[in-house]
């Protein structure tokens, strides 16, 4: 307890606090650019931490990551283009809200939800991470395989009453993931002799292409009735004026935080799987 208290006091040192704020701002800016993930944001901005104190540098890196995770929801809501892979689920409801004149409200929900999820993960890391690490160490190849199957199953049922479409999408994703050099055997798979395919197909680039190209085609058609040509207007209204509406999401945040923490400790699973599972569970209930 004393260690946590000392760490809490260190966080609010002026230098450390400024580093975290700067990291959050930089992470939001990079995460809002389609094609740049949270990992890439850290890679781009990490040279700024070379001359910092270790605690300030870690605070900036944490701020970059959390800022980028929220920043990916900005183009997801406004343009239906996920800025990060985990923001794909945000496009399902965020963009329709923006088209209905609720873009600002959707961004506020995404911001507060991201902050709540980040705090829940930080609390879990400080309190229950040591015992949960034994679960991670107990995972072998068989367990990782079934985690992957579980994630694919969740995607199949994510489309609701049309599981066949979900199954086709999941299998299509598996086929795409097979392209490149096998990490275990080193064998080239489906590269067709092209050096550019040895590293596989970049997931972020593919997501941006799949979500960005249709709106671009719609804009080029210059059809006023086209969905992509609809102008998005951000309504006025501060976050403090909607706090009563935000309080209604506490059960959603609790359920999603538990799912995110559980998925986060599993090897082979990441933020994208946690986002899809959380979205599917919330929609189901």
Protein backbone atom coordinates (compact mmCIF):
# COMPACT_ATOMS: atom_id res chain seq x y z
CA UNK A 1 0.00 0.00 0.00
CA UNK A 2 2.85 2.38 0.82
CA UNK A 3 4.41 1.65 -2.56
CA UNK A 4 1.18 2.53 -4.36
CA UNK A 5 0.84 5.73 -2.34
CA UNK A 6 4.39 6.79 -3.16
CA UNK A 7 3.78 6.04 -6.84
CA UNK A 8 0.55 8.05 -6.76
CA UNK A 9 2.41 11.07 -5.39
CA UNK A 10 5.12 10.71 -8.03
CA UNK A 11 2.55 10.82 -10.81
CA UNK A 12 1.51 14.34 -9.89
CA UNK A 13 5.01 15.74 -9.97
CA UNK A 14 4.96 18.59 -12.48
CA UNK A 15 7.44 17.03 -14.91
CA UNK A 16 5.73 13.65 -14.89
CA UNK A 17 2.27 15.17 -15.20
CA UNK A 18 3.30 17.33 -18.17
CA UNK A 19 4.91 14.31 -19.85
CA UNK A 20 1.69 12.31 -19.54
CA UNK A 21 -0.43 15.16 -20.91
CA UNK A 22 1.95 15.63 -23.83
CA UNK A 23 1.85 11.88 -24.50
CA UNK A 24 -1.95 11.83 -24.50
CA UNK A 25 -2.14 14.77 -26.92
CA UNK A 26 0.45 13.23 -29.24
CA UNK A 27 -1.25 9.83 -29.06
CA UNK A 28 -4.65 11.31 -29.95
CA UNK A 29 -3.14 13.17 -32.91
CA UNK A 30 -1.47 10.06 -34.32
CA UNK A 31 -4.33 7.69 -33.46
CA UNK A 32 -6.75 9.95 -35.33
CA UNK A 33 -4.77 9.38 -38.54
CA UNK A 34 -6.12 6.28 -40.29
CA UNK A 35 -3.42 3.68 -40.72
CA UNK A 36 -1.37 4.60 -37.66
CA UNK A 37 -1.96 2.28 -34.71
CA UNK A 38 -1.18 2.82 -31.03
CA UNK A 39 1.97 0.73 -31.37
CA UNK A 40 3.11 2.85 -34.29
CA UNK A 41 2.36 6.00 -32.29
CA UNK A 42 4.73 4.80 -29.56
CA UNK A 43 7.36 3.92 -32.16
CA UNK A 44 7.16 7.37 -33.72
CA UNK A 45 7.16 9.37 -30.48
CA UNK A 46 9.44 7.24 -28.31
CA UNK A 47 12.61 9.16 -29.35
CA UNK A 48 11.19 12.10 -27.39
CA UNK A 49 11.67 10.10 -24.19
CA UNK A 50 15.39 9.38 -24.63
CA UNK A 51 16.46 12.40 -22.60
CA UNK A 52 13.74 12.15 -19.93
CA UNK A 53 13.79 10.65 -16.50
CA UNK A 54 12.60 7.02 -16.50
CA UNK A 55 9.32 7.73 -14.69
CA UNK A 56 8.46 10.67 -16.96
CA UNK A 57 9.32 8.60 -20.02
CA UNK A 58 7.08 5.74 -18.90
CA UNK A 59 4.28 8.20 -18.19
CA UNK A 60 4.60 9.67 -21.67
CA UNK A 61 4.56 6.22 -23.29
CA UNK A 62 1.44 5.27 -21.31
CA UNK A 63 -0.18 8.55 -22.32
CA UNK A 64 0.69 7.96 -25.98
CA UNK A 65 -0.88 4.51 -25.95
CA UNK A 66 -4.09 5.56 -24.19
CA UNK A 67 -4.40 8.69 -26.30
CA UNK A 68 -3.97 6.72 -29.51
CA UNK A 69 -6.61 4.20 -28.46
CA UNK A 70 -9.13 7.03 -28.10
CA UNK A 71 -7.83 8.92 -31.13
CA UNK A 72 -8.73 5.98 -33.35
CA UNK A 73 -12.39 6.54 -32.56
CA UNK A 74 -12.38 10.08 -34.04
CA UNK A 75 -12.21 9.03 -37.73
CA UNK A 76 -14.29 5.96 -36.86
CA UNK A 77 -17.16 8.20 -35.75
CA UNK A 78 -16.78 11.02 -38.26
CA UNK A 79 -15.62 9.17 -41.38
CA UNK A 80 -16.40 5.49 -40.69
CA UNK A 81 -12.68 4.81 -41.02
CA UNK A 82 -11.13 3.17 -37.93
CA UNK A 83 -7.96 4.93 -36.89
CA UNK A 84 -6.79 1.82 -35.02
CA UNK A 85 -7.83 -1.84 -35.37
CA UNK A 86 -9.62 -1.73 -32.01
CA UNK A 87 -11.77 1.18 -33.26
CA UNK A 88 -13.52 -0.98 -35.85
CA UNK A 89 -16.32 -1.73 -33.37
CA UNK A 90 -16.76 2.03 -32.84
CA UNK A 91 -17.81 2.46 -36.46
CA UNK A 92 -20.84 0.19 -36.01
CA UNK A 93 -22.80 2.69 -33.91
CA UNK A 94 -20.57 5.78 -33.88
CA UNK A 95 -20.94 6.66 -37.55
CA UNK A 96 -24.74 6.21 -37.63
CA UNK A 97 -24.92 8.51 -34.59
CA UNK A 98 -22.81 11.08 -36.43
CA UNK A 99 -25.11 10.94 -39.45
CA UNK A 100 -28.06 11.53 -37.12
CA UNK A 101 -26.48 14.73 -35.80
CA UNK A 102 -24.97 13.19 -32.65
CA UNK A 103 -21.28 13.20 -33.62
CA UNK A 104 -20.24 15.21 -30.57
CA UNK A 105 -22.18 12.94 -28.23
CA UNK A 106 -20.64 9.84 -29.82
CA UNK A 107 -17.13 11.28 -29.40
CA UNK A 108 -17.85 12.15 -25.77
CA UNK A 109 -19.05 8.61 -25.07
CA UNK A 110 -15.93 7.21 -26.74
CA UNK A 111 -13.67 9.53 -24.76
CA UNK A 112 -15.16 8.76 -21.35
CA UNK A 113 -15.44 5.05 -22.12
CA UNK A 114 -11.79 4.94 -23.15
CA UNK A 115 -10.79 6.72 -19.95
CA UNK A 116 -12.84 4.35 -17.78
CA UNK A 117 -11.37 1.32 -19.54
CA UNK A 118 -7.86 2.67 -19.12
CA UNK A 119 -8.35 3.25 -15.40
CA UNK A 120 -9.87 -0.22 -14.95
CA UNK A 121 -6.88 -1.83 -16.69
CA UNK A 122 -4.45 0.21 -14.60
CA UNK A 123 -6.18 -0.85 -11.36
CA UNK A 124 -6.14 -4.47 -12.50
CA UNK A 125 -2.45 -4.22 -13.36
CA UNK A 126 -1.62 -2.89 -9.90
CA UNK A 127 -3.78 -5.26 -7.88
CA UNK A 128 -4.58 -8.57 -9.55
CA UNK A 129 -1.85 -8.84 -12.20
CA UNK A 130 0.52 -11.04 -10.11
CA UNK A 131 -2.01 -13.86 -9.47
CA UNK A 132 -3.40 -13.59 -13.00
CA UNK A 133 0.09 -14.04 -14.44
CA UNK A 134 -0.07 -17.71 -13.39
CA UNK A 135 -3.01 -18.15 -15.75
CA UNK A 136 -0.96 -16.71 -18.60
CA UNK A 137 1.98 -18.99 -17.84
CA UNK A 138 -0.33 -22.01 -17.86
CA UNK A 139 -1.33 -21.36 -21.47
CA UNK A 140 0.27 -23.58 -24.08
CA UNK A 141 -0.23 -24.04 -27.84
CA UNK A 142 -3.54 -25.85 -27.38
CA UNK A 143 -5.00 -23.11 -25.17
CA UNK A 144 -3.84 -20.36 -27.55
CA UNK A 145 -5.49 -22.25 -30.43
CA UNK A 146 -8.83 -22.41 -28.64
CA UNK A 147 -8.60 -18.73 -27.74
CA UNK A 148 -8.26 -17.99 -31.45
CA UNK A 149 -11.23 -20.25 -32.21
CA UNK A 150 -13.22 -18.46 -29.52
CA UNK A 151 -12.44 -15.10 -31.13
CA UNK A 152 -13.50 -16.35 -34.57
CA UNK A 153 -16.71 -17.73 -33.10
CA UNK A 154 -17.50 -14.36 -31.56
CA UNK A 155 -17.05 -12.71 -34.96
CA UNK A 156 -19.40 -15.24 -36.57
CA UNK A 157 -22.22 -14.35 -34.19
CA UNK A 158 -21.43 -10.63 -34.22
CA UNK A 159 -23.53 -10.16 -37.35
CA UNK A 160 -26.66 -11.24 -35.49
CA UNK A 161 -29.18 -13.19 -37.54
CA UNK A 162 -26.78 -13.87 -40.44
CA UNK A 163 -24.03 -16.11 -39.00
CA UNK A 164 -23.13 -17.39 -42.48
CA UNK A 165 -21.86 -13.95 -43.44
CA UNK A 166 -19.90 -13.78 -40.22
CA UNK A 167 -18.38 -17.21 -40.90
CA UNK A 168 -17.35 -16.16 -44.41
CA UNK A 169 -15.78 -12.97 -43.04
CA UNK A 170 -13.89 -14.89 -40.36
CA UNK A 171 -12.57 -17.44 -42.85
CA UNK A 172 -11.58 -14.64 -45.22
CA UNK A 173 -9.57 -13.06 -42.41
CA UNK A 174 -7.86 -16.38 -41.70
CA UNK A 175 -6.87 -16.74 -45.36
CA UNK A 176 -5.42 -13.22 -45.37
CA UNK A 177 -3.43 -13.94 -42.22
CA UNK A 178 -1.78 -16.93 -43.90
CA UNK A 179 0.01 -14.72 -46.41
CA UNK A 180 3.69 -14.19 -45.60
CA UNK A 181 6.51 -16.06 -43.92
CA UNK A 182 5.55 -18.62 -41.30
CA UNK A 183 7.02 -17.51 -37.96
CA UNK A 184 7.78 -21.09 -36.88
CA UNK A 185 8.96 -22.91 -40.00
CA UNK A 186 10.12 -19.92 -42.05
CA UNK A 187 8.24 -21.20 -45.11
CA UNK A 188 6.81 -18.63 -47.53
CA UNK A 189 3.05 -18.97 -47.86
CA UNK A 190 1.00 -17.53 -50.72
CA UNK A 191 3.63 -14.94 -51.59
CA UNK A 192 3.67 -15.90 -55.29
CA UNK A 193 7.33 -14.97 -55.49
CA UNK A 194 6.71 -11.35 -54.43
CA UNK A 195 9.16 -9.92 -51.90
CA UNK A 196 6.51 -7.40 -50.79
CA UNK A 197 4.36 -10.22 -49.39
CA UNK A 198 7.04 -11.85 -47.25
CA UNK A 199 5.96 -9.80 -44.21
CA UNK A 200 2.30 -10.54 -44.85
CA UNK A 201 -0.53 -8.08 -45.35
CA UNK A 202 -0.65 -5.18 -42.92
CA UNK A 203 -3.90 -5.40 -40.96
CA UNK A 204 -4.17 -1.66 -40.36
CA UNK A 205 -3.64 -0.84 -44.03
CA UNK A 206 -6.28 -3.39 -45.03
CA UNK A 207 -8.79 -2.01 -42.51
CA UNK A 208 -8.23 1.52 -43.76
CA UNK A 209 -8.66 0.35 -47.34
CA UNK A 210 -11.82 -1.64 -46.66
CA UNK A 211 -13.44 1.18 -44.71
CA UNK A 212 -12.06 4.19 -46.59
CA UNK A 213 -12.42 3.20 -50.23
CA UNK A 214 -16.26 2.89 -50.26
CA UNK A 215 -16.78 6.42 -48.82
CA UNK A 216 -14.21 7.79 -51.27
CA UNK A 217 -16.06 6.20 -54.19
CA UNK A 218 -19.31 7.63 -52.86
CA UNK A 219 -17.79 11.11 -52.69
CA UNK A 220 -16.45 10.79 -56.23
CA UNK A 221 -19.94 9.90 -57.46
CA UNK A 222 -21.12 13.26 -56.10
CA UNK A 223 -24.54 11.88 -55.26
CA UNK A 224 -26.32 14.14 -52.70
CA UNK A 225 -28.30 11.17 -51.45
CA UNK A 226 -25.22 9.02 -51.02
CA UNK A 227 -24.41 8.02 -47.47
CA UNK A 228 -20.76 9.05 -47.82
CA UNK A 229 -21.74 12.49 -49.09
CA UNK A 230 -23.72 13.29 -45.94
CA UNK A 231 -22.15 16.21 -44.11
CA UNK A 232 -21.35 15.49 -40.50
CA UNK A 233 -22.01 18.34 -38.08
CA UNK A 234 -20.74 18.25 -34.51
CA UNK A 235 -23.40 19.61 -32.18
CA UNK A 236 -22.51 22.05 -29.44
CA UNK A 237 -22.64 21.03 -25.81
CA UNK A 238 -20.02 20.39 -23.16
CA UNK A 239 -19.35 17.10 -21.49
CA UNK A 240 -20.51 18.35 -18.10
CA UNK A 241 -23.99 18.99 -19.46
CA UNK A 242 -24.40 15.29 -20.30
CA UNK A 243 -23.08 13.72 -17.12
CA UNK A 244 -26.50 12.33 -16.20
CA UNK A 245 -26.69 10.52 -19.55
CA UNK A 246 -23.15 9.22 -19.14
CA UNK A 247 -23.97 7.80 -15.71
CA UNK A 248 -26.39 5.41 -17.38
CA UNK A 249 -23.46 3.60 -19.01
CA UNK A 250 -21.91 2.37 -15.76
CA UNK A 251 -23.12 -1.21 -16.26
CA UNK A 252 -21.81 -1.22 -19.84
CA UNK A 253 -18.41 0.05 -18.65
CA UNK A 254 -18.27 -2.56 -15.88
CA UNK A 255 -19.10 -5.44 -18.21
CA UNK A 256 -16.71 -4.26 -20.93
CA UNK A 257 -13.89 -3.66 -18.42
CA UNK A 258 -14.18 -7.18 -17.03
CA UNK A 259 -14.13 -8.66 -20.54
CA UNK A 260 -11.20 -6.46 -21.56
CA UNK A 261 -9.13 -7.41 -18.51
CA UNK A 262 -9.84 -11.11 -18.98
CA UNK A 263 -9.01 -11.02 -22.70
CA UNK A 264 -5.93 -8.89 -22.06
CA UNK A 265 -4.26 -11.52 -19.89
CA UNK A 266 -4.70 -14.22 -22.54
CA UNK A 267 -1.72 -14.81 -24.83
CA UNK A 268 -2.52 -14.24 -28.47
CA UNK A 269 -5.50 -11.99 -27.77
CA UNK A 270 -5.43 -8.23 -28.02
CA UNK A 271 -7.43 -5.03 -27.96
CA UNK A 272 -9.29 -5.82 -31.18
CA UNK A 273 -10.65 -9.11 -29.85
CA UNK A 274 -11.58 -7.48 -26.55
CA UNK A 275 -13.43 -4.70 -28.38
CA UNK A 276 -15.42 -7.13 -30.53
CA UNK A 277 -16.27 -9.42 -27.62
CA UNK A 278 -17.36 -6.47 -25.46
CA UNK A 279 -19.46 -4.99 -28.22
CA UNK A 280 -21.10 -8.35 -28.96
CA UNK A 281 -21.88 -8.96 -25.28
CA UNK A 282 -23.31 -5.48 -24.71
CA UNK A 283 -25.46 -5.71 -27.81
CA UNK A 284 -26.66 -9.18 -26.79
CA UNK A 285 -27.74 -8.03 -23.31
